Amino acid sequence: MRAFWRKFLGDLNTPLKKLVFVFLSLVIGIAGPFGSYITMSLFERTLYWGFIIGLSIVMITAIRSALILSRPQWSYWKIGTVASLILAITYSALIYYFTIHVFSLDQAMMPDLILLAGSIFLISIALHAIRYFTIETATKPENTAPRILQRLPQEKRGRVIRLSARDHFVDVFTENGMHSIRMRFADAVNETEDGTRGFCVHRSHWVAEDAIVDARKKNGRISVFLRDGSVVPVSRKYQHNVIENGFLKED
């Protein structure tokens, strides 16, 4: 749950979402759809549609954050499509409820529920496309694959989850399985951090930041829980990495 809130709040507080909120609130507030132009003043319409637009942004961000954490293997577009579909179904129902039962606007001036849901889906997909071409593509490095993957067989290559030292070997855990490499642990960490954000939690364990689902402290000992189901102990020396990166509050 802590990982969800960290992801959700980080994604919610972006310049693009703030710009979309202000722009759509003003434009739709001036247009006054669903009879709000007749029954509300400009100030009231702006507040009302600002609330409706703000709610949609919060909902789509929450849905996306949950999907990203629970389905890390899904592509950007698969997550966007599923999130847009969920939003279209739930949000269209909420608009009907608030418009008719809370603000008592004219039901006859509202579009068919299926048409409304379809419109919301298309708008959400369009915003995902804008995000992809303005943020995702622009900030994506030319080569995000860490060098250590070149040491793995093709079928084991994928997003790195964690590294564990074992005698003279390093066990590399990816989303496609585990492979052991004979090399120094420090060298393995350096090659992994070329393309994957992460940190050491123990002298023998390194974890990818986006693989952490939760962190818990029990009987004075901290452990991190990863998306592949593994639990990795955190030594006292490296506790600050878990705390400073926001996965656990300091006592």
C-alpha atoms as a PDB file:
ATOM      1  CA  MET A   1       0.000   0.000   0.000  1.00  0.00           C
ATOM      2  CA  ARG A   2       2.891   2.357   0.764  1.00  0.00           C
ATOM      3  CA  ALA A   3       4.291   1.784  -2.727  1.00  0.00           C
ATOM      4  CA  PHE A   4       0.879   2.619  -4.223  1.00  0.00           C
ATOM      5  CA  TRP A   5       0.586   5.937  -2.384  1.00  0.00           C
ATOM      6  CA  ARG A   6       4.143   6.856  -3.303  1.00  0.00           C
ATOM      7  CA  LYS A   7       3.474   6.117  -6.971  1.00  0.00           C
ATOM      8  CA  PHE A   8       0.015   7.728  -6.958  1.00  0.00           C
ATOM      9  CA  LEU A   9       1.058  10.999  -5.308  1.00  0.00           C
ATOM     10  CA  GLY A  10       4.164  11.261  -7.485  1.00  0.00           C
ATOM     11  CA  ASP A  11       2.168  10.800 -10.701  1.00  0.00           C
ATOM     12  CA  LEU A  12      -0.619  13.120  -9.550  1.00  0.00           C
ATOM     13  CA  ASN A  13       1.716  16.047  -8.880  1.00  0.00           C
ATOM     14  CA  THR A  14       2.936  16.637 -12.451  1.00  0.00           C
ATOM     15  CA  PRO A  15       2.879  19.814 -14.581  1.00  0.00           C
ATOM     16  CA  LEU A  16       0.886  18.084 -17.345  1.00  0.00           C
ATOM     17  CA  LYS A  17      -1.941  17.062 -15.013  1.00  0.00           C
ATOM     18  CA  LYS A  18      -2.099  20.550 -13.510  1.00  0.00           C
ATOM     19  CA  LEU A  19      -2.255  22.085 -16.985  1.00  0.00           C
ATOM     20  CA  VAL A  20      -4.988  19.670 -18.112  1.00  0.00           C
ATOM     21  CA  PHE A  21      -6.997  20.394 -14.950  1.00  0.00           C
ATOM     22  CA  VAL A  22      -6.882  24.182 -15.347  1.00  0.00           C
ATOM     23  CA  PHE A  23      -7.469  24.152 -19.125  1.00  0.00           C
ATOM     24  CA  LEU A  24     -10.393  21.725 -19.147  1.00  0.00           C
ATOM     25  CA  SER A  25     -12.021  23.309 -16.078  1.00  0.00           C
ATOM     26  CA  LEU A  26     -12.044  26.714 -17.755  1.00  0.00           C
ATOM     27  CA  VAL A  27     -13.076  25.517 -21.234  1.00  0.00           C
ATOM     28  CA  ILE A  28     -15.854  23.199 -20.054  1.00  0.00           C
ATOM     29  CA  GLY A  29     -16.936  25.700 -17.395  1.00  0.00           C
ATOM     30  CA  ILE A  30     -17.422  28.368 -20.086  1.00  0.00           C
ATOM     31  CA  ALA A  31     -19.168  25.921 -22.462  1.00  0.00           C
ATOM     32  CA  GLY A  32     -21.578  24.735 -19.746  1.00  0.00           C
ATOM     33  CA  PRO A  33     -22.658  21.283 -21.036  1.00  0.00           C
ATOM     34  CA  PHE A  34     -25.596  19.229 -19.707  1.00  0.00           C
ATOM     35  CA  GLY A  35     -27.698  22.334 -19.088  1.00  0.00           C
ATOM     36  CA  SER A  36     -25.250  23.870 -16.628  1.00  0.00           C
ATOM     37  CA  TYR A  37     -24.925  26.927 -18.905  1.00  0.00           C
ATOM     38  CA  ILE A  38     -28.561  27.784 -18.185  1.00  0.00           C
ATOM     39  CA  THR A  39     -28.846  26.808 -14.524  1.00  0.00           C
ATOM     40  CA  MET A  40     -25.453  27.984 -13.221  1.00  0.00           C
ATOM     41  CA  SER A  41     -23.432  31.175 -13.276  1.00  0.00           C
ATOM     42  CA  LEU A  42     -19.965  31.158 -14.846  1.00  0.00           C
ATOM     43  CA  PHE A  43     -18.358  30.953 -11.404  1.00  0.00           C
ATOM     44  CA  GLU A  44     -20.610  28.067 -10.350  1.00  0.00           C
ATOM     45  CA  ARG A  45     -19.981  26.201 -13.627  1.00  0.00           C
ATOM     46  CA  THR A  46     -16.230  26.596 -13.277  1.00  0.00           C
ATOM     47  CA  LEU A  47     -16.321  25.218  -9.727  1.00  0.00           C
ATOM     48  CA  TYR A  48     -18.634  22.368 -10.694  1.00  0.00           C
ATOM     49  CA  TRP A  49     -16.702  21.254 -13.767  1.00  0.00           C
ATOM     50  CA  GLY A  50     -13.410  21.817 -11.938  1.00  0.00           C
ATOM     51  CA  PHE A  51     -14.607  19.272  -9.390  1.00  0.00           C
ATOM     52  CA  ILE A  52     -15.689  16.836 -12.131  1.00  0.00           C
ATOM     53  CA  ILE A  53     -12.398  17.194 -14.049  1.00  0.00           C
ATOM     54  CA  GLY A  54     -10.334  16.958 -10.859  1.00  0.00           C
ATOM     55  CA  LEU A  55     -12.160  13.777  -9.881  1.00  0.00           C
ATOM     56  CA  SER A  56     -11.410  12.204 -13.272  1.00  0.00           C
ATOM     57  CA  ILE A  57      -7.695  13.036 -12.977  1.00  0.00           C
ATOM     58  CA  VAL A  58      -7.518  11.543  -9.480  1.00  0.00           C
ATOM     59  CA  MET A  59      -9.345   8.403 -10.637  1.00  0.00           C
ATOM     60  CA  ILE A  60      -7.255   7.758 -13.766  1.00  0.00           C
ATOM     61  CA  THR A  61      -4.038   8.368 -11.810  1.00  0.00           C
ATOM     62  CA  ALA A  62      -5.096   5.915  -9.093  1.00  0.00           C
ATOM     63  CA  ILE A  63      -6.119   3.290 -11.647  1.00  0.00           C
ATOM     64  CA  ARG A  64      -2.852   3.676 -13.596  1.00  0.00           C
ATOM     65  CA  SER A  65      -0.735   3.491 -10.428  1.00  0.00           C
ATOM     66  CA  ALA A  66      -2.483   0.300  -9.303  1.00  0.00           C
ATOM     67  CA  LEU A  67      -2.041  -1.319 -12.725  1.00  0.00           C
ATOM     68  CA  ILE A  68       1.626  -0.328 -13.008  1.00  0.00           C
ATOM     69  CA  LEU A  69       2.401  -1.894  -9.623  1.00  0.00           C
ATOM     70  CA  SER A  70       0.258  -5.016 -10.064  1.00  0.00           C
ATOM     71  CA  ARG A  71       1.031  -5.606 -13.762  1.00  0.00           C
ATOM     72  CA  PRO A  72       4.649  -4.425 -14.237  1.00  0.00           C
ATOM     73  CA  GLN A  73       5.030  -6.605 -17.342  1.00  0.00           C
ATOM     74  CA  TRP A  74       2.305  -4.701 -19.228  1.00  0.00           C
ATOM     75  CA  SER A  75       3.285  -2.154 -21.834  1.00  0.00           C
ATOM     76  CA  TYR A  76       2.460   1.566 -21.568  1.00  0.00           C
ATOM     77  CA  TRP A  77      -0.375   1.241 -24.093  1.00  0.00           C
ATOM     78  CA  LYS A  78      -1.913  -1.848 -22.498  1.00  0.00           C
ATOM     79  CA  ILE A  79      -2.002  -0.111 -19.123  1.00  0.00           C
ATOM     80  CA  GLY A  80      -3.420   3.033 -20.747  1.00  0.00           C
ATOM     81  CA  THR A  81      -6.136   1.115 -22.590  1.00  0.00           C
ATOM     82  CA  VAL A  82      -7.265  -0.905 -19.559  1.00  0.00           C
ATOM     83  CA  ALA A  83      -7.134   2.168 -17.297  1.00  0.00           C
ATOM     84  CA  SER A  84      -9.189   4.182 -19.821  1.00  0.00           C
ATOM     85  CA  LEU A  85     -11.776   1.399 -20.034  1.00  0.00           C
ATOM     86  CA  ILE A  86     -12.121   1.202 -16.241  1.00  0.00           C
ATOM     87  CA  LEU A  87     -12.386   4.989 -16.033  1.00  0.00           C
ATOM     88  CA  ALA A  88     -15.029   5.132 -18.786  1.00  0.00           C
ATOM     89  CA  ILE A  89     -17.257   2.644 -16.972  1.00  0.00           C
ATOM     90  CA  THR A  90     -16.952   4.045 -13.452  1.00  0.00           C
ATOM     91  CA  TYR A  91     -16.628   7.746 -14.237  1.00  0.00           C
ATOM     92  CA  SER A  92     -19.612   7.939 -16.605  1.00  0.00           C
ATOM     93  CA  ALA A  93     -21.790   6.481 -13.849  1.00  0.00           C
ATOM     94  CA  LEU A  94     -20.448   9.044 -11.362  1.00  0.00           C
ATOM     95  CA  ILE A  95     -21.121  11.933 -13.755  1.00  0.00           C
ATOM     96  CA  TYR A  96     -24.731  10.794 -14.131  1.00  0.00           C
ATOM     97  CA  TYR A  97     -25.147  10.551 -10.370  1.00  0.00           C
ATOM     98  CA  PHE A  98     -23.620  13.943  -9.534  1.00  0.00           C
ATOM     99  CA  THR A  99     -25.293  15.736 -12.452  1.00  0.00           C
ATOM    100  CA  ILE A 100     -28.806  14.447 -11.813  1.00  0.00           C
ATOM    101  CA  HIS A 101     -29.024  13.665  -8.085  1.00  0.00           C
ATOM    102  CA  VAL A 102     -26.575  16.115  -6.492  1.00  0.00           C
ATOM    103  CA  PHE A 103     -26.690  19.195  -8.761  1.00  0.00           C
ATOM    104  CA  SER A 104     -30.180  18.563 -10.214  1.00  0.00           C
ATOM    105  CA  LEU A 105     -29.300  19.375 -13.809  1.00  0.00           C
ATOM    106  CA  ASP A 106     -31.589  18.498 -16.712  1.00  0.00           C
ATOM    107  CA  GLN A 107     -31.359  14.758 -17.438  1.00  0.00           C
ATOM    108  CA  ALA A 108     -32.860  15.299 -20.889  1.00  0.00           C
ATOM    109  CA  MET A 109     -29.818  17.343 -21.895  1.00  0.00           C
ATOM    110  CA  MET A 110     -27.358  14.574 -21.020  1.00  0.00           C
ATOM    111  CA  PRO A 111     -26.056  12.172 -23.706  1.00  0.00           C
ATOM    112  CA  ASP A 112     -26.758   8.463 -23.709  1.00  0.00           C
ATOM    113  CA  LEU A 113     -24.743   6.647 -21.018  1.00  0.00           C
ATOM    114  CA  ILE A 114     -22.961   4.453 -23.588  1.00  0.00           C
ATOM    115  CA  LEU A 115     -22.086   7.509 -25.691  1.00  0.00           C
ATOM    116  CA  LEU A 116     -20.788   9.280 -22.606  1.00  0.00           C
ATOM    117  CA  ALA A 117     -18.647   6.292 -21.623  1.00  0.00           C
ATOM    118  CA  GLY A 118     -17.275   6.058 -25.163  1.00  0.00           C
ATOM    119  CA  SER A 119     -16.396   9.746 -25.169  1.00  0.00           C
ATOM    120  CA  ILE A 120     -14.583   9.445 -21.837  1.00  0.00           C
ATOM    121  CA  PHE A 121     -12.635   6.444 -23.138  1.00  0.00           C
ATOM    122  CA  LEU A 122     -11.524   8.318 -26.275  1.00  0.00           C
ATOM    123  CA  ILE A 123     -10.535  11.431 -24.313  1.00  0.00           C
ATOM    124  CA  SER A 124      -8.522   9.321 -21.867  1.00  0.00           C
ATOM    125  CA  ILE A 125      -6.719   7.503 -24.708  1.00  0.00           C
ATOM    126  CA  ALA A 126      -5.963  10.859 -26.348  1.00  0.00           C
ATOM    127  CA  LEU A 127      -4.454  12.175 -23.100  1.00  0.00           C
ATOM    128  CA  HIS A 128      -2.373   9.002 -22.801  1.00  0.00           C
ATOM    129  CA  ALA A 129      -1.091   9.637 -26.329  1.00  0.00           C
ATOM    130  CA  ILE A 130      -0.177  13.226 -25.422  1.00  0.00           C
ATOM    131  CA  ARG A 131       1.645  11.991 -22.322  1.00  0.00           C
ATOM    132  CA  TYR A 132       3.470   9.333 -24.327  1.00  0.00           C
ATOM    133  CA  PHE A 133       4.758  11.658 -27.034  1.00  0.00           C
ATOM    134  CA  THR A 134       5.520  14.623 -24.747  1.00  0.00           C
ATOM    135  CA  ILE A 135       6.866  12.923 -21.629  1.00  0.00           C
ATOM    136  CA  GLU A 136       7.468   9.186 -21.978  1.00  0.00           C
ATOM    137  CA  THR A 137       9.248   9.359 -25.336  1.00  0.00           C
ATOM    138  CA  ALA A 138      11.092  12.601 -24.606  1.00  0.00           C
ATOM    139  CA  THR A 139      12.533  11.389 -21.302  1.00  0.00           C
ATOM    140  CA  LYS A 140      13.227   7.791 -22.307  1.00  0.00           C
ATOM    141  CA  PRO A 141      16.964   7.126 -22.602  1.00  0.00           C
ATOM    142  CA  GLU A 142      18.260   5.726 -25.886  1.00  0.00           C
ATOM    143  CA  ASN A 143      19.355   2.524 -24.159  1.00  0.00           C
ATOM    144  CA  THR A 144      17.722   1.649 -20.856  1.00  0.00           C
ATOM    145  CA  ALA A 145      18.972  -1.944 -20.680  1.00  0.00           C
ATOM    146  CA  PRO A 146      21.631  -2.379 -17.963  1.00  0.00           C
ATOM    147  CA  ARG A 147      24.918  -3.875 -19.121  1.00  0.00           C
ATOM    148  CA  ILE A 148      24.557  -6.892 -16.858  1.00  0.00           C
ATOM    149  CA  LEU A 149      21.795  -8.268 -19.096  1.00  0.00           C
ATOM    150  CA  GLN A 150      24.410  -8.942 -21.768  1.00  0.00           C
ATOM    151  CA  ARG A 151      25.828 -11.623 -19.461  1.00  0.00           C
ATOM    152  CA  LEU A 152      22.471 -13.436 -19.234  1.00  0.00           C
ATOM    153  CA  PRO A 153      21.057 -15.951 -21.700  1.00  0.00           C
ATOM    154  CA  GLN A 154      18.421 -14.459 -23.983  1.00  0.00           C
ATOM    155  CA  GLU A 155      15.483 -16.173 -22.272  1.00  0.00           C
ATOM    156  CA  LYS A 156      16.470 -14.759 -18.861  1.00  0.00           C
ATOM    157  CA  ARG A 157      16.818 -11.153 -19.975  1.00  0.00           C
ATOM    158  CA  GLY A 158      14.197  -8.704 -18.743  1.00  0.00           C
ATOM    159  CA  ARG A 159      13.594  -6.074 -16.114  1.00  0.00           C
ATOM    160  CA  VAL A 160      16.022  -6.627 -13.226  1.00  0.00           C
ATOM    161  CA  ILE A 161      14.374  -7.201  -9.856  1.00  0.00           C
ATOM    162  CA  ARG A 162      17.308  -7.905  -7.543  1.00  0.00           C
ATOM    163  CA  LEU A 163      20.885  -9.155  -7.168  1.00  0.00           C
ATOM    164  CA  SER A 164      22.189 -11.507  -4.488  1.00  0.00           C
ATOM    165  CA  ALA A 165      25.798 -12.423  -3.772  1.00  0.00           C
ATOM    166  CA  ARG A 166      26.580 -16.100  -3.173  1.00  0.00           C
ATOM    167  CA  ASP A 167      30.233 -17.051  -2.630  1.00  0.00           C
ATOM    168  CA  HIS A 168      31.987 -16.019  -5.862  1.00  0.00           C
ATOM    169  CA  PHE A 169      28.720 -15.822  -7.800  1.00  0.00           C
ATOM    170  CA  VAL A 170      25.978 -13.244  -8.209  1.00  0.00           C
ATOM    171  CA  ASP A 171      22.403 -14.427  -8.666  1.00  0.00           C
ATOM    172  CA  VAL A 172      20.602 -12.058 -11.047  1.00  0.00           C
ATOM    173  CA  PHE A 173      16.812 -12.145 -10.679  1.00  0.00           C
ATOM    174  CA  THR A 174      14.791 -10.707 -13.562  1.00  0.00           C
ATOM    175  CA  GLU A 175      11.112 -10.851 -14.455  1.00  0.00           C
ATOM    176  CA  ASN A 176      12.007 -13.897 -16.577  1.00  0.00           C
ATOM    177  CA  GLY A 177      13.841 -15.903 -13.946  1.00  0.00           C
ATOM    178  CA  MET A 178      17.229 -16.221 -12.239  1.00  0.00           C
ATOM    179  CA  HIS A 179      20.719 -16.733 -13.636  1.00  0.00           C
ATOM    180  CA  SER A 180      24.028 -17.038 -11.762  1.00  0.00           C
ATOM    181  CA  ILE A 181      27.137 -15.202 -12.933  1.00  0.00           C
ATOM    182  CA  ARG A 182      30.669 -15.582 -11.638  1.00  0.00           C
ATOM    183  CA  MET A 183      31.725 -12.011 -10.856  1.00  0.00           C
ATOM    184  CA  ARG A 184      32.233  -9.519  -8.025  1.00  0.00           C
ATOM    185  CA  PHE A 185      29.055  -8.245  -6.410  1.00  0.00           C
ATOM    186  CA  ALA A 186      30.207  -4.616  -6.632  1.00  0.00           C
ATOM    187  CA  ASP A 187      30.814  -4.987 -10.380  1.00  0.00           C
ATOM    188  CA  ALA A 188      27.378  -6.535 -10.847  1.00  0.00           C
ATOM    189  CA  VAL A 189      25.776  -3.605  -9.031  1.00  0.00           C
ATOM    190  CA  ASN A 190      27.631  -1.093 -11.205  1.00  0.00           C
ATOM    191  CA  GLU A 191      26.562  -2.834 -14.410  1.00  0.00           C
ATOM    192  CA  THR A 192      22.936  -3.025 -13.235  1.00  0.00           C
ATOM    193  CA  GLU A 193      22.687   0.606 -12.150  1.00  0.00           C
ATOM    194  CA  ASP A 194      23.641   1.704 -15.671  1.00  0.00           C
ATOM    195  CA  GLY A 195      20.003   1.299 -16.658  1.00  0.00           C
ATOM    196  CA  THR A 196      18.049   0.448 -13.493  1.00  0.00           C
ATOM    197  CA  ARG A 197      17.449   2.602 -10.422  1.00  0.00           C
ATOM    198  CA  GLY A 198      18.042   0.748  -7.202  1.00  0.00           C
ATOM    199  CA  PHE A 199      20.139   0.457  -4.057  1.00  0.00           C
ATOM    200  CA  CYS A 200      21.795  -2.023  -1.721  1.00  0.00           C
ATOM    201  CA  VAL A 201      19.789  -3.204   1.282  1.00  0.00           C
ATOM    202  CA  HIS A 202      22.472  -5.579   2.532  1.00  0.00           C
ATOM    203  CA  ARG A 203      26.104  -6.264   1.733  1.00  0.00           C
ATOM    204  CA  SER A 204      24.865  -9.248  -0.289  1.00  0.00           C
ATOM    205  CA  HIS A 205      21.608  -7.863  -1.705  1.00  0.00           C
ATOM    206  CA  TRP A 206      20.707  -5.122  -4.182  1.00  0.00           C
ATOM    207  CA  VAL A 207      17.086  -4.381  -5.191  1.00  0.00           C
ATOM    208  CA  ALA A 208      15.518  -2.410  -8.037  1.00  0.00           C
ATOM    209  CA  GLU A 209      13.538   0.569  -6.783  1.00  0.00           C
ATOM    210  CA  ASP A 210      10.499  -0.133  -8.989  1.00  0.00           C
ATOM    211  CA  ALA A 211      10.403  -3.757  -7.801  1.00  0.00           C
ATOM    212  CA  ILE A 212       9.672  -2.829  -4.172  1.00  0.00           C
ATOM    213  CA  VAL A 213       6.039  -3.391  -3.230  1.00  0.00           C
ATOM    214  CA  ASP A 214       6.343  -2.788   0.500  1.00  0.00           C
ATOM    215  CA  ALA A 215       8.794  -2.434   3.382  1.00  0.00           C
ATOM    216  CA  ARG A 216       8.059  -3.548   6.930  1.00  0.00           C
ATOM    217  CA  LYS A 217       9.780  -3.414  10.285  1.00  0.00           C
ATOM    218  CA  LYS A 218       9.262  -6.248  12.759  1.00  0.00           C
ATOM    219  CA  ASN A 219      11.144  -6.831  15.983  1.00  0.00           C
ATOM    220  CA  GLY A 220      13.611  -4.120  14.993  1.00  0.00           C
ATOM    221  CA  ARG A 221      14.425  -5.740  11.648  1.00  0.00           C
ATOM    222  CA  ILE A 222      13.441  -4.324   8.268  1.00  0.00           C
ATOM    223  CA  SER A 223      12.537  -6.364   5.198  1.00  0.00           C
ATOM    224  CA  VAL A 224      11.546  -5.299   1.693  1.00  0.00           C
ATOM    225  CA  PHE A 225       8.869  -7.152  -0.258  1.00  0.00           C
ATOM    226  CA  LEU A 226       9.360  -7.352  -4.014  1.00  0.00           C
ATOM    227  CA  ARG A 227       6.912  -7.808  -6.878  1.00  0.00           C
ATOM    228  CA  ASP A 228       8.192 -11.326  -7.652  1.00  0.00           C
ATOM    229  CA  GLY A 229       7.093 -12.433  -4.174  1.00  0.00           C
ATOM    230  CA  SER A 230      10.571 -12.495  -2.623  1.00  0.00           C
ATOM    231  CA  VAL A 231      11.422 -10.949   0.735  1.00  0.00           C
ATOM    232  CA  VAL A 232      14.888  -9.448   1.198  1.00  0.00           C
ATOM    233  CA  PRO A 233      16.385  -8.537   4.608  1.00  0.00           C
ATOM    234  CA  VAL A 234      17.703  -5.040   5.193  1.00  0.00           C
ATOM    235  CA  SER A 235      20.827  -4.726   7.332  1.00  0.00           C
ATOM    236  CA  ARG A 236      21.275  -1.860   9.780  1.00  0.00           C
ATOM    237  CA  LYS A 237      24.052  -0.354   7.638  1.00  0.00           C
ATOM    238  CA  TYR A 238      21.723   0.040   4.636  1.00  0.00           C
ATOM    239  CA  GLN A 239      18.467   0.988   6.384  1.00  0.00           C
ATOM    240  CA  HIS A 240      18.962   4.609   5.361  1.00  0.00           C
ATOM    241  CA  ASN A 241      18.545   3.639   1.685  1.00  0.00           C
ATOM    242  CA  VAL A 242      15.059   2.277   2.347  1.00  0.00           C
ATOM    243  CA  ILE A 243      14.074   5.242   4.526  1.00  0.00           C
ATOM    244  CA  GLU A 244      15.546   8.017   2.361  1.00  0.00           C
ATOM    245  CA  ASN A 245      13.821   6.649  -0.727  1.00  0.00           C
ATOM    246  CA  GLY A 246      10.435   6.832   0.991  1.00  0.00           C
ATOM    247  CA  PHE A 247       9.655   3.140   1.446  1.00  0.00           C
ATOM    248  CA  LEU A 248       9.646   3.238   5.237  1.00  0.00           C
ATOM    249  CA  LYS A 249       9.171   5.995   7.778  1.00  0.00           C
ATOM    250  CA  GLU A 250      11.982   6.589  10.235  1.00  0.00           C
ATOM    251  CA  ASP A 251      11.138   5.935  13.871  1.00  0.00           C
END
